[in-house]
Amino acid sequence: MLVTIELADDEVLVALKRPEGYEDTHPKLVAEDAIREDWPEYRTIHGDEIKTPG
C-alpha cells in the first residue's frame, strides 16, 4: 500500500508493525502499547528529513 502524507518540519511520523496478538486491536490502543522500549518493530520519519524534488 502506498500512502501520501504531508508532514511539517516539526512533526514526526511513526509506523508501527502490529505484533502477534494485535491483529484486531484499535490503532490508538496499539500506539499506546507501543510506547515501550521493547516494542518489536517500528520506524520514524521526521518532517525535516523529507526533501521534495526540485
N, C-alpha and C. Protein backbone atom coordinates (compact mmCIF):
# COMPACT_ATOMS: atom_id res chain seq x y z
N MET A 1 0.85 -1.17 0.00
CA MET A 1 0.00 0.00 0.00
C MET A 1 0.90 1.24 0.00
N LEU A 2 0.56 2.20 -0.84
CA LEU A 2 1.29 3.45 -0.91
C LEU A 2 0.37 4.57 -0.47
N VAL A 3 0.82 5.37 0.51
CA VAL A 3 0.04 6.47 1.05
C VAL A 3 0.88 7.74 0.98
N THR A 4 0.27 8.84 0.56
CA THR A 4 0.96 10.13 0.54
C THR A 4 0.49 10.96 1.72
N ILE A 5 1.45 11.45 2.52
CA ILE A 5 1.13 12.22 3.72
C ILE A 5 1.99 13.48 3.71
N GLU A 6 1.37 14.63 3.97
CA GLU A 6 2.14 15.86 4.14
C GLU A 6 2.59 15.92 5.60
N LEU A 7 3.87 16.21 5.80
CA LEU A 7 4.45 16.21 7.13
C LEU A 7 5.21 17.52 7.32
N ALA A 8 4.84 18.29 8.34
CA ALA A 8 5.53 19.55 8.64
C ALA A 8 6.91 19.26 9.23
N ASP A 9 7.79 20.25 9.17
CA ASP A 9 9.15 20.10 9.69
C ASP A 9 9.19 19.71 11.16
N ASP A 10 8.18 20.11 11.92
CA ASP A 10 8.19 19.82 13.36
C ASP A 10 7.32 18.62 13.73
N GLU A 11 6.91 17.82 12.75
CA GLU A 11 6.11 16.63 13.01
C GLU A 11 6.94 15.37 12.81
N VAL A 12 6.52 14.30 13.49
CA VAL A 12 7.18 13.00 13.36
C VAL A 12 6.13 11.97 13.00
N LEU A 13 6.42 11.18 11.98
CA LEU A 13 5.54 10.10 11.57
C LEU A 13 6.11 8.80 12.12
N VAL A 14 5.27 8.00 12.75
CA VAL A 14 5.71 6.73 13.33
C VAL A 14 4.89 5.61 12.70
N ALA A 15 5.57 4.61 12.17
CA ALA A 15 4.91 3.43 11.61
C ALA A 15 5.17 2.26 12.54
N LEU A 16 4.10 1.68 13.08
CA LEU A 16 4.21 0.56 14.00
C LEU A 16 3.77 -0.72 13.31
N LYS A 17 4.54 -1.77 13.45
CA LYS A 17 4.14 -3.07 12.94
C LYS A 17 3.43 -3.80 14.07
N ARG A 18 2.21 -4.25 13.79
CA ARG A 18 1.45 -4.97 14.82
C ARG A 18 2.04 -6.35 15.04
N PRO A 19 2.45 -6.65 16.27
CA PRO A 19 2.96 -7.99 16.55
C PRO A 19 1.80 -8.97 16.72
N GLU A 20 2.13 -10.22 16.83
CA GLU A 20 1.13 -11.27 17.03
C GLU A 20 0.26 -10.94 18.23
N GLY A 21 -1.03 -11.11 18.08
CA GLY A 21 -1.97 -10.83 19.16
C GLY A 21 -2.61 -9.46 19.06
N TYR A 22 -2.14 -8.61 18.14
CA TYR A 22 -2.67 -7.26 17.98
C TYR A 22 -3.47 -7.09 16.68
N GLU A 23 -3.78 -8.17 15.99
CA GLU A 23 -4.43 -8.09 14.68
C GLU A 23 -5.75 -7.32 14.71
N ASP A 24 -6.54 -7.49 15.73
CA ASP A 24 -7.86 -6.84 15.82
C ASP A 24 -7.89 -5.67 16.80
N THR A 25 -6.73 -5.18 17.21
CA THR A 25 -6.65 -4.10 18.19
C THR A 25 -6.75 -2.74 17.49
N HIS A 26 -7.53 -1.83 18.07
CA HIS A 26 -7.70 -0.48 17.51
C HIS A 26 -6.34 0.22 17.43
N PRO A 27 -6.07 0.95 16.34
CA PRO A 27 -4.78 1.62 16.17
C PRO A 27 -4.35 2.51 17.33
N LYS A 28 -5.29 3.21 17.97
CA LYS A 28 -4.91 4.06 19.11
C LYS A 28 -4.39 3.23 20.28
N LEU A 29 -4.99 2.06 20.49
CA LEU A 29 -4.52 1.19 21.57
C LEU A 29 -3.17 0.58 21.23
N VAL A 30 -2.95 0.26 19.96
CA VAL A 30 -1.65 -0.25 19.53
C VAL A 30 -0.58 0.81 19.82
N ALA A 31 -0.87 2.06 19.47
CA ALA A 31 0.09 3.15 19.69
C ALA A 31 0.38 3.33 21.18
N GLU A 32 -0.65 3.25 22.01
CA GLU A 32 -0.43 3.40 23.46
C GLU A 32 0.47 2.30 23.99
N ASP A 33 0.24 1.07 23.55
CA ASP A 33 1.08 -0.05 24.00
C ASP A 33 2.51 0.07 23.47
N ALA A 34 2.67 0.70 22.31
CA ALA A 34 3.98 0.77 21.67
C ALA A 34 4.93 1.76 22.33
N ILE A 35 4.45 2.54 23.28
CA ILE A 35 5.33 3.49 23.96
C ILE A 35 6.11 2.73 25.03
N ARG A 36 6.91 1.79 24.55
CA ARG A 36 7.77 0.97 25.40
C ARG A 36 9.05 0.68 24.62
N GLU A 37 10.12 0.50 25.31
CA GLU A 37 11.39 0.23 24.64
C GLU A 37 11.44 -1.14 23.99
N ASP A 38 10.61 -2.08 24.41
CA ASP A 38 10.70 -3.45 23.89
C ASP A 38 9.73 -3.74 22.75
N TRP A 39 9.12 -2.67 22.15
CA TRP A 39 8.22 -2.90 21.01
C TRP A 39 9.04 -3.53 19.88
N PRO A 40 8.53 -4.60 19.24
CA PRO A 40 9.35 -5.37 18.31
C PRO A 40 9.79 -4.66 17.03
N GLU A 41 8.96 -3.80 16.46
CA GLU A 41 9.36 -3.19 15.19
C GLU A 41 8.64 -1.88 14.97
N TYR A 42 9.41 -0.82 14.65
CA TYR A 42 8.81 0.47 14.34
C TYR A 42 9.78 1.29 13.49
N ARG A 43 9.23 2.32 12.81
CA ARG A 43 10.04 3.25 12.02
C ARG A 43 9.57 4.65 12.33
N THR A 44 10.48 5.61 12.29
CA THR A 44 10.12 7.01 12.46
C THR A 44 10.71 7.84 11.33
N ILE A 45 9.98 8.87 10.92
CA ILE A 45 10.45 9.82 9.92
C ILE A 45 10.10 11.20 10.43
N HIS A 46 11.09 12.08 10.50
CA HIS A 46 10.87 13.46 10.95
C HIS A 46 10.64 14.32 9.72
N GLY A 47 9.74 15.29 9.83
CA GLY A 47 9.37 16.14 8.70
C GLY A 47 10.53 16.79 7.98
N ASP A 48 11.56 17.23 8.71
CA ASP A 48 12.67 17.90 8.04
C ASP A 48 13.63 16.91 7.35
N GLU A 49 13.39 15.60 7.49
CA GLU A 49 14.18 14.60 6.79
C GLU A 49 13.67 14.37 5.37
N ILE A 50 12.46 14.83 5.09
CA ILE A 50 11.85 14.62 3.79
C ILE A 50 12.20 15.79 2.88
N LYS A 51 12.80 15.49 1.78
CA LYS A 51 13.18 16.53 0.82
C LYS A 51 12.30 16.39 -0.42
N THR A 52 11.70 17.49 -0.84
CA THR A 52 10.87 17.46 -2.05
C THR A 52 11.76 17.63 -3.28
N PRO A 53 11.41 16.95 -4.37
CA PRO A 53 12.23 17.06 -5.58
C PRO A 53 12.24 18.49 -6.12
N GLY A 54 13.38 18.88 -6.65
CA GLY A 54 13.49 20.19 -7.29
C GLY A 54 13.92 21.21 -6.38
